[in-house]
Every structure is written in C-alpha cells, then in structure tokens.
Amino acid sequence: MHNPNSAIERVKNHLAYKLGQAMIDFTNSSSGGGYIALFKKLYKIKKQHKKEQKIYQQTIQVFPQLKYPSLEACSDYEQALRYKFHLSYMLGEVLIKAYQTWYTGGGFKLKNNIKKA
C-alpha cells in the first residue's frame, strides 16, 4: 500500500475489493483457462492477503506507532465510502459470504447473490 493515510487505498486493499476486481478482470480478459484458472487466482489473492495481514499484525506488535489510523480519521473517508458500493467490492463480499457459508449451500446461492449485487 502506497499511502496508509488514504482511506481509498485502504478500502481497495480489503480482501473483498481484491477478489471482486479479480473476478471482473477475469470476465473482461480474453485469455483462456476457464473457471479453474479463476479459482486458482482467487486462492492466490486470498493467500497473499492473509500473508500481508499477518506481517502487518506482527509489525504493529513490535512498532505500535506504525498502526494505521481509523478510516473515519482519514481526510478522504467520504470518497472511500463510495468504493464500498463499487461492483468489485460487492462481488467480493458476496464471494466471501458464500465461502463462509459453504456448508449451508452458499456456493449454490452464489449465482443469485451475484445477480443481486
């Protein structure tokens, strides 16, 4: 992340935004690979995001002064709220909820939830 004091960049760094953006990029690209390539890419993004979060948590334990300010304290907070209503963020949220409720058929409900987003 380039500027931790930017609320917009922090929202774009959320896992939901990253996953949704990857899904949109996949549908817009003309490269092959099918859905297996998409799932592989989504898995890599999730794994990388967890790794980044783990490193951040370890860093702020050692250097607490490096903790990011709250989103509400950022000067561009109102603009960042708009990014939470972008298609990529909403798709990512739907995908995360489907993954969290896989045991109740979240994967089968995914198609309908994507249409709602």
PDB file of N, CA and C in Angstrom:
ATOM      1  N   MET A   1       0.851  -1.159   0.000  1.00  0.00           N
ATOM      2  CA  MET A   1       0.000   0.000   0.000  1.00  0.00           C
ATOM      3  C   MET A   1       0.903   1.228   0.000  1.00  0.00           C
ATOM      4  N   HIS A   2       0.584   2.163  -0.862  1.00  0.00           N
ATOM      5  CA  HIS A   2       1.434   3.332  -1.017  1.00  0.00           C
ATOM      6  C   HIS A   2       1.236   4.358   0.088  1.00  0.00           C
ATOM      7  N   ASN A   3       0.001   4.666   0.411  1.00  0.00           N
ATOM      8  CA  ASN A   3      -0.280   5.701   1.404  1.00  0.00           C
ATOM      9  C   ASN A   3      -1.261   5.146   2.440  1.00  0.00           C
ATOM     10  N   PRO A   4      -0.779   4.754   3.615  1.00  0.00           N
ATOM     11  CA  PRO A   4      -1.686   4.187   4.620  1.00  0.00           C
ATOM     12  C   PRO A   4      -2.664   5.200   5.199  1.00  0.00           C
ATOM     13  N   ASN A   5      -2.446   6.491   4.962  1.00  0.00           N
ATOM     14  CA  ASN A   5      -3.364   7.514   5.450  1.00  0.00           C
ATOM     15  C   ASN A   5      -4.485   7.804   4.466  1.00  0.00           C
ATOM     16  N   SER A   6      -4.492   7.124   3.336  1.00  0.00           N
ATOM     17  CA  SER A   6      -5.539   7.295   2.344  1.00  0.00           C
ATOM     18  C   SER A   6      -6.614   6.230   2.565  1.00  0.00           C
ATOM     19  N   ALA A   7      -7.817   6.669   2.854  1.00  0.00           N
ATOM     20  CA  ALA A   7      -8.914   5.736   3.089  1.00  0.00           C
ATOM     21  C   ALA A   7      -9.270   4.986   1.809  1.00  0.00           C
ATOM     22  N   ILE A   8      -9.126   5.635   0.661  1.00  0.00           N
ATOM     23  CA  ILE A   8      -9.448   4.985  -0.607  1.00  0.00           C
ATOM     24  C   ILE A   8      -8.520   3.804  -0.851  1.00  0.00           C
ATOM     25  N   GLU A   9      -7.226   4.004  -0.644  1.00  0.00           N
ATOM     26  CA  GLU A   9      -6.278   2.911  -0.852  1.00  0.00           C
ATOM     27  C   GLU A   9      -6.493   1.792   0.150  1.00  0.00           C
ATOM     28  N   ARG A  10      -6.900   2.133   1.353  1.00  0.00           N
ATOM     29  CA  ARG A  10      -7.143   1.098   2.351  1.00  0.00           C
ATOM     30  C   ARG A  10      -8.384   0.289   2.012  1.00  0.00           C
ATOM     31  N   VAL A  11      -9.415   0.921   1.464  1.00  0.00           N
ATOM     32  CA  VAL A  11     -10.606   0.180   1.040  1.00  0.00           C
ATOM     33  C   VAL A  11     -10.257  -0.718  -0.144  1.00  0.00           C
ATOM     34  N   LYS A  12      -9.443  -0.202  -1.061  1.00  0.00           N
ATOM     35  CA  LYS A  12      -9.022  -1.020  -2.200  1.00  0.00           C
ATOM     36  C   LYS A  12      -8.131  -2.177  -1.765  1.00  0.00           C
ATOM     37  N   ASN A  13      -7.564  -2.085  -0.573  1.00  0.00           N
ATOM     38  CA  ASN A  13      -6.716  -3.150  -0.054  1.00  0.00           C
ATOM     39  C   ASN A  13      -7.523  -4.209   0.701  1.00  0.00           C
ATOM     40  N   HIS A  14      -8.833  -4.013   0.866  1.00  0.00           N
ATOM     41  CA  HIS A  14      -9.670  -5.019   1.514  1.00  0.00           C
ATOM     42  C   HIS A  14      -9.730  -6.264   0.635  1.00  0.00           C
ATOM     43  N   LEU A  15      -9.876  -7.396   1.279  1.00  0.00           N
ATOM     44  CA  LEU A  15      -9.934  -8.662   0.551  1.00  0.00           C
ATOM     45  C   LEU A  15     -11.128  -8.692  -0.400  1.00  0.00           C
ATOM     46  N   ALA A  16     -12.259  -8.163   0.028  1.00  0.00           N
ATOM     47  CA  ALA A  16     -13.454  -8.170  -0.815  1.00  0.00           C
ATOM     48  C   ALA A  16     -13.211  -7.413  -2.116  1.00  0.00           C
ATOM     49  N   TYR A  17     -12.569  -6.272  -2.037  1.00  0.00           N
ATOM     50  CA  TYR A  17     -12.302  -5.478  -3.238  1.00  0.00           C
ATOM     51  C   TYR A  17     -11.346  -6.219  -4.167  1.00  0.00           C
ATOM     52  N   LYS A  18     -10.310  -6.816  -3.598  1.00  0.00           N
ATOM     53  CA  LYS A  18      -9.321  -7.530  -4.417  1.00  0.00           C
ATOM     54  C   LYS A  18      -9.956  -8.712  -5.141  1.00  0.00           C
ATOM     55  N   LEU A  19     -10.788  -9.488  -4.431  1.00  0.00           N
ATOM     56  CA  LEU A  19     -11.427 -10.652  -5.049  1.00  0.00           C
ATOM     57  C   LEU A  19     -12.413 -10.223  -6.134  1.00  0.00           C
ATOM     58  N   GLY A  20     -13.199  -9.208  -5.846  1.00  0.00           N
ATOM     59  CA  GLY A  20     -14.157  -8.718  -6.835  1.00  0.00           C
ATOM     60  C   GLY A  20     -13.472  -8.168  -8.067  1.00  0.00           C
ATOM     61  N   GLN A  21     -12.379  -7.453  -7.873  1.00  0.00           N
ATOM     62  CA  GLN A  21     -11.628  -6.905  -9.004  1.00  0.00           C
ATOM     63  C   GLN A  21     -11.053  -8.029  -9.860  1.00  0.00           C
ATOM     64  N   ALA A  22     -10.588  -9.093  -9.217  1.00  0.00           N
ATOM     65  CA  ALA A  22     -10.050 -10.231  -9.964  1.00  0.00           C
ATOM     66  C   ALA A  22     -11.149 -10.910 -10.780  1.00  0.00           C
ATOM     67  N   MET A  23     -12.360 -10.990 -10.218  1.00  0.00           N
ATOM     68  CA  MET A  23     -13.473 -11.597 -10.957  1.00  0.00           C
ATOM     69  C   MET A  23     -13.839 -10.746 -12.166  1.00  0.00           C
ATOM     70  N   ILE A  24     -13.853  -9.438 -12.000  1.00  0.00           N
ATOM     71  CA  ILE A  24     -14.178  -8.548 -13.117  1.00  0.00           C
ATOM     72  C   ILE A  24     -13.093  -8.617 -14.182  1.00  0.00           C
ATOM     73  N   ASP A  25     -11.834  -8.601 -13.761  1.00  0.00           N
ATOM     74  CA  ASP A  25     -10.727  -8.702 -14.714  1.00  0.00           C
ATOM     75  C   ASP A  25     -10.785 -10.007 -15.485  1.00  0.00           C
ATOM     76  N   PHE A  26     -11.204 -11.082 -14.820  1.00  0.00           N
ATOM     77  CA  PHE A  26     -11.299 -12.385 -15.476  1.00  0.00           C
ATOM     78  C   PHE A  26     -12.369 -12.368 -16.555  1.00  0.00           C
ATOM     79  N   THR A  27     -13.519 -11.765 -16.270  1.00  0.00           N
ATOM     80  CA  THR A  27     -14.591 -11.742 -17.260  1.00  0.00           C
ATOM     81  C   THR A  27     -14.260 -10.812 -18.421  1.00  0.00           C
ATOM     82  N   ASN A  28     -13.464  -9.770 -18.168  1.00  0.00           N
ATOM     83  CA  ASN A  28     -13.107  -8.826 -19.227  1.00  0.00           C
ATOM     84  C   ASN A  28     -11.947  -9.308 -20.083  1.00  0.00           C
ATOM     85  N   SER A  29     -11.148 -10.228 -19.562  1.00  0.00           N
ATOM     86  CA  SER A  29      -9.984 -10.687 -20.321  1.00  0.00           C
ATOM     87  C   SER A  29     -10.416 -11.740 -21.334  1.00  0.00           C
ATOM     88  N   SER A  30      -9.670 -11.817 -22.402  1.00  0.00           N
ATOM     89  CA  SER A  30      -9.981 -12.796 -23.439  1.00  0.00           C
ATOM     90  C   SER A  30      -9.099 -14.029 -23.324  1.00  0.00           C
ATOM     91  N   SER A  31      -8.263 -14.081 -22.284  1.00  0.00           N
ATOM     92  CA  SER A  31      -7.390 -15.242 -22.128  1.00  0.00           C
ATOM     93  C   SER A  31      -8.201 -16.437 -21.652  1.00  0.00           C
ATOM     94  N   GLY A  32      -7.771 -17.603 -22.045  1.00  0.00           N
ATOM     95  CA  GLY A  32      -8.464 -18.830 -21.682  1.00  0.00           C
ATOM     96  C   GLY A  32      -8.113 -19.270 -20.281  1.00  0.00           C
ATOM     97  N   GLY A  33      -8.412 -20.508 -20.006  1.00  0.00           N
ATOM     98  CA  GLY A  33      -8.096 -21.057 -18.703  1.00  0.00           C
ATOM     99  C   GLY A  33      -9.332 -21.488 -17.951  1.00  0.00           C
ATOM    100  N   GLY A  34     -10.453 -20.885 -18.263  1.00  0.00           N
ATOM    101  CA  GLY A  34     -11.697 -21.277 -17.631  1.00  0.00           C
ATOM    102  C   GLY A  34     -11.780 -20.916 -16.166  1.00  0.00           C
ATOM    103  N   TYR A  35     -12.756 -21.530 -15.535  1.00  0.00           N
ATOM    104  CA  TYR A  35     -13.024 -21.212 -14.138  1.00  0.00           C
ATOM    105  C   TYR A  35     -11.969 -21.767 -13.194  1.00  0.00           C
ATOM    106  N   ILE A  36     -11.274 -22.797 -13.608  1.00  0.00           N
ATOM    107  CA  ILE A  36     -10.205 -23.333 -12.759  1.00  0.00           C
ATOM    108  C   ILE A  36      -9.120 -22.281 -12.580  1.00  0.00           C
ATOM    109  N   ALA A  37      -8.785 -21.578 -13.643  1.00  0.00           N
ATOM    110  CA  ALA A  37      -7.785 -20.512 -13.550  1.00  0.00           C
ATOM    111  C   ALA A  37      -8.287 -19.383 -12.650  1.00  0.00           C
ATOM    112  N   LEU A  38      -9.587 -19.083 -12.724  1.00  0.00           N
ATOM    113  CA  LEU A  38     -10.158 -18.047 -11.862  1.00  0.00           C
ATOM    114  C   LEU A  38     -10.063 -18.452 -10.396  1.00  0.00           C
ATOM    115  N   PHE A  39     -10.450 -19.691 -10.079  1.00  0.00           N
ATOM    116  CA  PHE A  39     -10.388 -20.144  -8.692  1.00  0.00           C
ATOM    117  C   PHE A  39      -8.959 -20.169  -8.178  1.00  0.00           C
ATOM    118  N   LYS A  40      -8.032 -20.523  -9.053  1.00  0.00           N
ATOM    119  CA  LYS A  40      -6.624 -20.529  -8.662  1.00  0.00           C
ATOM    120  C   LYS A  40      -6.156 -19.103  -8.353  1.00  0.00           C
ATOM    121  N   LYS A  41      -6.569 -18.161  -9.196  1.00  0.00           N
ATOM    122  CA  LYS A  41      -6.182 -16.766  -8.984  1.00  0.00           C
ATOM    123  C   LYS A  41      -6.803 -16.217  -7.699  1.00  0.00           C
ATOM    124  N   LEU A  42      -8.070 -16.540  -7.451  1.00  0.00           N
ATOM    125  CA  LEU A  42      -8.734 -16.076  -6.236  1.00  0.00           C
ATOM    126  C   LEU A  42      -8.069 -16.658  -4.993  1.00  0.00           C
ATOM    127  N   TYR A  43      -7.668 -17.920  -5.078  1.00  0.00           N
ATOM    128  CA  TYR A  43      -6.976 -18.554  -3.957  1.00  0.00           C
ATOM    129  C   TYR A  43      -5.640 -17.874  -3.691  1.00  0.00           C
ATOM    130  N   LYS A  44      -4.916 -17.542  -4.759  1.00  0.00           N
ATOM    131  CA  LYS A  44      -3.623 -16.872  -4.594  1.00  0.00           C
ATOM    132  C   LYS A  44      -3.800 -15.491  -3.965  1.00  0.00           C
ATOM    133  N   ILE A  45      -4.837 -14.780  -4.369  1.00  0.00           N
ATOM    134  CA  ILE A  45      -5.108 -13.456  -3.805  1.00  0.00           C
ATOM    135  C   ILE A  45      -5.428 -13.582  -2.317  1.00  0.00           C
ATOM    136  N   LYS A  46      -6.262 -14.566  -1.965  1.00  0.00           N
ATOM    137  CA  LYS A  46      -6.621 -14.766  -0.560  1.00  0.00           C
ATOM    138  C   LYS A  46      -5.391 -15.111   0.268  1.00  0.00           C
ATOM    139  N   LYS A  47      -4.566 -15.986  -0.260  1.00  0.00           N
ATOM    140  CA  LYS A  47      -3.358 -16.405   0.451  1.00  0.00           C
ATOM    141  C   LYS A  47      -2.406 -15.221   0.642  1.00  0.00           C
ATOM    142  N   GLN A  48      -2.213 -14.424  -0.399  1.00  0.00           N
ATOM    143  CA  GLN A  48      -1.333 -13.255  -0.326  1.00  0.00           C
ATOM    144  C   GLN A  48      -1.877 -12.224   0.661  1.00  0.00           C
ATOM    145  N   HIS A  49      -3.196 -12.029   0.650  1.00  0.00           N
ATOM    146  CA  HIS A  49      -3.814 -11.064   1.562  1.00  0.00           C
ATOM    147  C   HIS A  49      -3.613 -11.492   3.013  1.00  0.00           C
ATOM    148  N   LYS A  50      -3.811 -12.775   3.296  1.00  0.00           N
ATOM    149  CA  LYS A  50      -3.612 -13.270   4.662  1.00  0.00           C
ATOM    150  C   LYS A  50      -2.167 -13.089   5.093  1.00  0.00           C
ATOM    151  N   LYS A  51      -1.249 -13.314   4.164  1.00  0.00           N
ATOM    152  CA  LYS A  51       0.175 -13.145   4.466  1.00  0.00           C
ATOM    153  C   LYS A  51       0.476 -11.682   4.798  1.00  0.00           C
ATOM    154  N   GLU A  52      -0.069 -10.758   4.005  1.00  0.00           N
ATOM    155  CA  GLU A  52       0.135  -9.329   4.250  1.00  0.00           C
ATOM    156  C   GLU A  52      -0.447  -8.915   5.597  1.00  0.00           C
ATOM    157  N   GLN A  53      -1.628  -9.439   5.932  1.00  0.00           N
ATOM    158  CA  GLN A  53      -2.253  -9.100   7.207  1.00  0.00           C
ATOM    159  C   GLN A  53      -1.441  -9.633   8.384  1.00  0.00           C
ATOM    160  N   LYS A  54      -0.899 -10.821   8.225  1.00  0.00           N
ATOM    161  CA  LYS A  54      -0.075 -11.408   9.283  1.00  0.00           C
ATOM    162  C   LYS A  54       1.185 -10.571   9.505  1.00  0.00           C
ATOM    163  N   ILE A  55       1.817 -10.153   8.425  1.00  0.00           N
ATOM    164  CA  ILE A  55       3.018  -9.314   8.533  1.00  0.00           C
ATOM    165  C   ILE A  55       2.672  -7.981   9.191  1.00  0.00           C
ATOM    166  N   TYR A  56       1.537  -7.391   8.814  1.00  0.00           N
ATOM    167  CA  TYR A  56       1.112  -6.121   9.414  1.00  0.00           C
ATOM    168  C   TYR A  56       0.889  -6.277  10.920  1.00  0.00           C
ATOM    169  N   GLN A  57       0.206  -7.364  11.322  1.00  0.00           N
ATOM    170  CA  GLN A  57      -0.049  -7.585  12.747  1.00  0.00           C
ATOM    171  C   GLN A  57       1.250  -7.762  13.525  1.00  0.00           C
ATOM    172  N   GLN A  58       2.195  -8.483  12.948  1.00  0.00           N
ATOM    173  CA  GLN A  58       3.488  -8.669  13.610  1.00  0.00           C
ATOM    174  C   GLN A  58       4.240  -7.343  13.704  1.00  0.00           C
ATOM    175  N   THR A  59       4.141  -6.539  12.669  1.00  0.00           N
ATOM    176  CA  THR A  59       4.837  -5.253  12.657  1.00  0.00           C
ATOM    177  C   THR A  59       4.288  -4.312  13.721  1.00  0.00           C
ATOM    178  N   ILE A  60       2.964  -4.240  13.850  1.00  0.00           N
ATOM    179  CA  ILE A  60       2.411  -3.306  14.839  1.00  0.00           C
ATOM    180  C   ILE A  60       2.590  -3.812  16.264  1.00  0.00           C
ATOM    181  N   GLN A  61       2.834  -5.106  16.432  1.00  0.00           N
ATOM    182  CA  GLN A  61       3.164  -5.587  17.775  1.00  0.00           C
ATOM    183  C   GLN A  61       4.532  -5.076  18.198  1.00  0.00           C
ATOM    184  N   VAL A  62       5.459  -5.034  17.250  1.00  0.00           N
ATOM    185  CA  VAL A  62       6.810  -4.570  17.550  1.00  0.00           C
ATOM    186  C   VAL A  62       6.871  -3.042  17.558  1.00  0.00           C
ATOM    187  N   PHE A  63       6.213  -2.427  16.570  1.00  0.00           N
ATOM    188  CA  PHE A  63       6.219  -0.965  16.434  1.00  0.00           C
ATOM    189  C   PHE A  63       4.775  -0.451  16.450  1.00  0.00           C
ATOM    190  N   PRO A  64       4.185  -0.250  17.620  1.00  0.00           N
ATOM    191  CA  PRO A  64       2.774   0.171  17.676  1.00  0.00           C
ATOM    192  C   PRO A  64       2.503   1.534  17.044  1.00  0.00           C
ATOM    193  N   GLN A  65       3.516   2.362  16.902  1.00  0.00           N
ATOM    194  CA  GLN A  65       3.310   3.679  16.301  1.00  0.00           C
ATOM    195  C   GLN A  65       3.032   3.586  14.796  1.00  0.00           C
ATOM    196  N   LEU A  66       3.263   2.423  14.191  1.00  0.00           N
ATOM    197  CA  LEU A  66       3.010   2.244  12.760  1.00  0.00           C
ATOM    198  C   LEU A  66       1.573   1.804  12.460  1.00  0.00           C
ATOM    199  N   LYS A  67       0.749   1.685  13.488  1.00  0.00           N
ATOM    200  CA  LYS A  67      -0.633   1.271  13.273  1.00  0.00           C
ATOM    201  C   LYS A  67      -1.362   2.324  12.446  1.00  0.00           C
ATOM    202  N   TYR A  68      -2.137   1.852  11.472  1.00  0.00           N
ATOM    203  CA  TYR A  68      -2.879   2.767  10.609  1.00  0.00           C
ATOM    204  C   TYR A  68      -3.949   3.501  11.413  1.00  0.00           C
ATOM    205  N   PRO A  69      -4.232   4.758  11.066  1.00  0.00           N
ATOM    206  CA  PRO A  69      -5.337   5.461  11.734  1.00  0.00           C
ATOM    207  C   PRO A  69      -6.670   4.865  11.278  1.00  0.00           C
ATOM    208  N   SER A  70      -7.714   5.098  12.036  1.00  0.00           N
ATOM    209  CA  SER A  70      -9.020   4.569  11.649  1.00  0.00           C
ATOM    210  C   SER A  70      -9.462   5.212  10.332  1.00  0.00           C
ATOM    211  N   LEU A  71     -10.314   4.508   9.616  1.00  0.00           N
ATOM    212  CA  LEU A  71     -10.785   5.027   8.327  1.00  0.00           C
ATOM    213  C   LEU A  71     -11.521   6.352   8.502  1.00  0.00           C
ATOM    214  N   GLU A  72     -12.266   6.476   9.584  1.00  0.00           N
ATOM    215  CA  GLU A  72     -13.035   7.697   9.820  1.00  0.00           C
ATOM    216  C   GLU A  72     -12.132   8.908  10.016  1.00  0.00           C
ATOM    217  N   ALA A  73     -10.901   8.685  10.465  1.00  0.00           N
ATOM    218  CA  ALA A  73      -9.971   9.784  10.709  1.00  0.00           C
ATOM    219  C   ALA A  73      -9.277  10.263   9.434  1.00  0.00           C
ATOM    220  N   CYS A  74      -9.394   9.519   8.360  1.00  0.00           N
ATOM    221  CA  CYS A  74      -8.739   9.900   7.100  1.00  0.00           C
ATOM    222  C   CYS A  74      -9.511  11.036   6.431  1.00  0.00           C
ATOM    223  N   SER A  75      -8.779  11.873   5.721  1.00  0.00           N
ATOM    224  CA  SER A  75      -9.405  13.047   5.099  1.00  0.00           C
ATOM    225  C   SER A  75     -10.314  12.682   3.927  1.00  0.00           C
ATOM    226  N   ASP A  76     -10.045  11.567   3.265  1.00  0.00           N
ATOM    227  CA  ASP A  76     -10.860  11.165   2.109  1.00  0.00           C
ATOM    228  C   ASP A  76     -11.830  10.033   2.454  1.00  0.00           C
ATOM    229  N   TYR A  77     -12.322  10.034   3.671  1.00  0.00           N
ATOM    230  CA  TYR A  77     -13.213   8.967   4.138  1.00  0.00           C
ATOM    231  C   TYR A  77     -14.523   8.926   3.348  1.00  0.00           C
ATOM    232  N   GLU A  78     -15.109  10.083   3.065  1.00  0.00           N
ATOM    233  CA  GLU A  78     -16.384  10.118   2.338  1.00  0.00           C
ATOM    234  C   GLU A  78     -16.238   9.534   0.936  1.00  0.00           C
ATOM    235  N   GLN A  79     -15.115   9.824   0.292  1.00  0.00           N
ATOM    236  CA  GLN A  79     -14.872   9.260  -1.037  1.00  0.00           C
ATOM    237  C   GLN A  79     -14.654   7.758  -0.944  1.00  0.00           C
ATOM    238  N   ALA A  80     -14.031   7.301   0.128  1.00  0.00           N
ATOM    239  CA  ALA A  80     -13.768   5.874   0.297  1.00  0.00           C
ATOM    240  C   ALA A  80     -15.058   5.089   0.492  1.00  0.00           C
ATOM    241  N   LEU A  81     -16.073   5.727   1.082  1.00  0.00           N
ATOM    242  CA  LEU A  81     -17.352   5.040   1.262  1.00  0.00           C
ATOM    243  C   LEU A  81     -17.976   4.677  -0.083  1.00  0.00           C
ATOM    244  N   ARG A  82     -17.734   5.495  -1.096  1.00  0.00           N
ATOM    245  CA  ARG A  82     -18.261   5.199  -2.432  1.00  0.00           C
ATOM    246  C   ARG A  82     -17.652   3.917  -2.992  1.00  0.00           C
ATOM    247  N   TYR A  83     -16.390   3.670  -2.664  1.00  0.00           N
ATOM    248  CA  TYR A  83     -15.723   2.473  -3.165  1.00  0.00           C
ATOM    249  C   TYR A  83     -16.319   1.206  -2.567  1.00  0.00           C
ATOM    250  N   LYS A  84     -16.946   1.304  -1.413  1.00  0.00           N
ATOM    251  CA  LYS A  84     -17.585   0.133  -0.820  1.00  0.00           C
ATOM    252  C   LYS A  84     -18.860  -0.247  -1.572  1.00  0.00           C
ATOM    253  N   PHE A  85     -19.341   0.638  -2.433  1.00  0.00           N
ATOM    254  CA  PHE A  85     -20.524   0.345  -3.225  1.00  0.00           C
ATOM    255  C   PHE A  85     -20.181   0.075  -4.686  1.00  0.00           C
ATOM    256  N   HIS A  86     -18.898  -0.046  -5.000  1.00  0.00           N
ATOM    257  CA  HIS A  86     -18.496  -0.426  -6.351  1.00  0.00           C
ATOM    258  C   HIS A  86     -18.804  -1.896  -6.578  1.00  0.00           C
ATOM    259  N   LEU A  87     -18.958  -2.257  -7.831  1.00  0.00           N
ATOM    260  CA  LEU A  87     -19.283  -3.633  -8.183  1.00  0.00           C
ATOM    261  C   LEU A  87     -18.218  -4.599  -7.691  1.00  0.00           C
ATOM    262  N   SER A  88     -16.965  -4.225  -7.816  1.00  0.00           N
ATOM    263  CA  SER A  88     -15.899  -5.139  -7.416  1.00  0.00           C
ATOM    264  C   SER A  88     -15.956  -5.427  -5.913  1.00  0.00           C
ATOM    265  N   TYR A  89     -16.242  -4.436  -5.096  1.00  0.00           N
ATOM    266  CA  TYR A  89     -16.321  -4.647  -3.648  1.00  0.00           C
ATOM    267  C   TYR A  89     -17.516  -5.535  -3.310  1.00  0.00           C
ATOM    268  N   MET A  90     -18.646  -5.276  -3.956  1.00  0.00           N
ATOM    269  CA  MET A  90     -19.852  -6.060  -3.665  1.00  0.00           C
ATOM    270  C   MET A  90     -19.703  -7.507  -4.116  1.00  0.00           C
ATOM    271  N   LEU A  91     -19.087  -7.728  -5.283  1.00  0.00           N
ATOM    272  CA  LEU A  91     -18.846  -9.100  -5.740  1.00  0.00           C
ATOM    273  C   LEU A  91     -17.941  -9.842  -4.764  1.00  0.00           C
ATOM    274  N   GLY A  92     -16.923  -9.167  -4.298  1.00  0.00           N
ATOM    275  CA  GLY A  92     -16.014  -9.784  -3.338  1.00  0.00           C
ATOM    276  C   GLY A  92     -16.712 -10.137  -2.038  1.00  0.00           C
ATOM    277  N   GLU A  93     -17.583  -9.250  -1.560  1.00  0.00           N
ATOM    278  CA  GLU A  93     -18.328  -9.540  -0.333  1.00  0.00           C
ATOM    279  C   GLU A  93     -19.238 -10.744  -0.517  1.00  0.00           C
ATOM    280  N   VAL A  94     -19.901 -10.837  -1.664  1.00  0.00           N
ATOM    281  CA  VAL A  94     -20.776 -11.974  -1.941  1.00  0.00           C
ATOM    282  C   VAL A  94     -19.958 -13.262  -1.977  1.00  0.00           C
ATOM    283  N   LEU A  95     -18.802 -13.212  -2.600  1.00  0.00           N
ATOM    284  CA  LEU A  95     -17.946 -14.392  -2.686  1.00  0.00           C
ATOM    285  C   LEU A  95     -17.463 -14.824  -1.303  1.00  0.00           C
ATOM    286  N   ILE A  96     -17.079 -13.877  -0.471  1.00  0.00           N
ATOM    287  CA  ILE A  96     -16.622 -14.203   0.882  1.00  0.00           C
ATOM    288  C   ILE A  96     -17.757 -14.810   1.701  1.00  0.00           C
ATOM    289  N   LYS A  97     -18.967 -14.258   1.595  1.00  0.00           N
ATOM    290  CA  LYS A  97     -20.106 -14.805   2.338  1.00  0.00           C
ATOM    291  C   LYS A  97     -20.452 -16.211   1.863  1.00  0.00           C
ATOM    292  N   ALA A  98     -20.346 -16.457   0.556  1.00  0.00           N
ATOM    293  CA  ALA A  98     -20.612 -17.795   0.032  1.00  0.00           C
ATOM    294  C   ALA A  98     -19.574 -18.786   0.545  1.00  0.00           C
ATOM    295  N   TYR A  99     -18.339 -18.355   0.622  1.00  0.00           N
ATOM    296  CA  TYR A  99     -17.273 -19.220   1.124  1.00  0.00           C
ATOM    297  C   TYR A  99     -17.475 -19.519   2.608  1.00  0.00           C
ATOM    298  N   GLN A 100     -17.909 -18.529   3.369  1.00  0.00           N
ATOM    299  CA  GLN A 100     -18.104 -18.716   4.805  1.00  0.00           C
ATOM    300  C   GLN A 100     -19.302 -19.607   5.107  1.00  0.00           C
ATOM    301  N   THR A 101     -20.269 -19.671   4.197  1.00  0.00           N
ATOM    302  CA  THR A 101     -21.465 -20.492   4.415  1.00  0.00           C
ATOM    303  C   THR A 101     -21.536 -21.643   3.426  1.00  0.00           C
ATOM    304  N   TRP A 102     -20.393 -22.210   3.078  1.00  0.00           N
ATOM    305  CA  TRP A 102     -20.366 -23.296   2.098  1.00  0.00           C
ATOM    306  C   TRP A 102     -21.147 -24.507   2.583  1.00  0.00           C
ATOM    307  N   TYR A 103     -21.179 -24.743   3.882  1.00  0.00           N
ATOM    308  CA  TYR A 103     -21.836 -25.920   4.441  1.00  0.00           C
ATOM    309  C   TYR A 103     -23.354 -25.813   4.396  1.00  0.00           C
ATOM    310  N   THR A 104     -23.890 -24.622   4.188  1.00  0.00           N
ATOM    311  CA  THR A 104     -25.338 -24.459   4.064  1.00  0.00           C
ATOM    312  C   THR A 104     -25.744 -24.199   2.620  1.00  0.00           C
ATOM    313  N   GLY A 105     -24.869 -24.494   1.694  1.00  0.00           N
ATOM    314  CA  GLY A 105     -25.183 -24.305   0.285  1.00  0.00           C
ATOM    315  C   GLY A 105     -24.857 -22.923  -0.226  1.00  0.00           C
ATOM    316  N   GLY A 106     -23.890 -22.268   0.362  1.00  0.00           N
ATOM    317  CA  GLY A 106     -23.510 -20.918  -0.055  1.00  0.00           C
ATOM    318  C   GLY A 106     -23.050 -20.863  -1.492  1.00  0.00           C
ATOM    319  N   GLY A 107     -22.403 -21.920  -1.961  1.00  0.00           N
ATOM    320  CA  GLY A 107     -21.935 -21.965  -3.340  1.00  0.00           C
ATOM    321  C   GLY A 107     -23.076 -22.005  -4.338  1.00  0.00           C
ATOM    322  N   PHE A 108     -24.171 -22.663  -3.963  1.00  0.00           N
ATOM    323  CA  PHE A 108     -25.321 -22.740  -4.859  1.00  0.00           C
ATOM    324  C   PHE A 108     -26.091 -21.419  -4.901  1.00  0.00           C
ATOM    325  N   LYS A 109     -26.042 -20.683  -3.811  1.00  0.00           N
ATOM    326  CA  LYS A 109     -26.721 -19.389  -3.743  1.00  0.00           C
ATOM    327  C   LYS A 109     -25.888 -18.276  -4.365  1.00  0.00           C
ATOM    328  N   LEU A 110     -24.642 -18.589  -4.699  1.00  0.00           N
ATOM    329  CA  LEU A 110     -23.711 -17.574  -5.191  1.00  0.00           C
ATOM    330  C   LEU A 110     -24.221 -16.892  -6.455  1.00  0.00           C
ATOM    331  N   LYS A 111     -24.761 -17.658  -7.386  1.00  0.00           N
ATOM    332  CA  LYS A 111     -25.228 -17.086  -8.654  1.00  0.00           C
ATOM    333  C   LYS A 111     -26.331 -16.047  -8.418  1.00  0.00           C
ATOM    334  N   ASN A 112     -27.286 -16.378  -7.566  1.00  0.00           N
ATOM    335  CA  ASN A 112     -28.374 -15.432  -7.279  1.00  0.00           C
ATOM    336  C   ASN A 112     -27.863 -14.202  -6.541  1.00  0.00           C
ATOM    337  N   ASN A 113     -26.925 -14.411  -5.621  1.00  0.00           N
ATOM    338  CA  ASN A 113     -26.386 -13.281  -4.867  1.00  0.00           C
ATOM    339  C   ASN A 113     -25.558 -12.359  -5.750  1.00  0.00           C
ATOM    340  N   ILE A 114     -24.865 -12.917  -6.735  1.00  0.00           N
ATOM    341  CA  ILE A 114     -24.098 -12.087  -7.671  1.00  0.00           C
ATOM    342  C   ILE A 114     -25.048 -11.231  -8.501  1.00  0.00           C
ATOM    343  N   LYS A 115     -26.179 -11.802  -8.904  1.00  0.00           N
ATOM    344  CA  LYS A 115     -27.154 -11.028  -9.672  1.00  0.00           C
ATOM    345  C   LYS A 115     -27.715  -9.879  -8.844  1.00  0.00           C
ATOM    346  N   LYS A 116     -27.887 -10.097  -7.535  1.00  0.00           N
ATOM    347  CA  LYS A 116     -28.392  -9.039  -6.660  1.00  0.00           C
ATOM    348  C   LYS A 116     -27.373  -7.919  -6.503  1.00  0.00           C
ATOM    349  N   ALA A 117     -26.086  -8.288  -6.502  1.00  0.00           N
ATOM    350  CA  ALA A 117     -25.036  -7.276  -6.335  1.00  0.00           C
ATOM    351  C   ALA A 117     -24.996  -6.408  -7.570  1.00  0.00           C
TER     352      ALA A 117
END
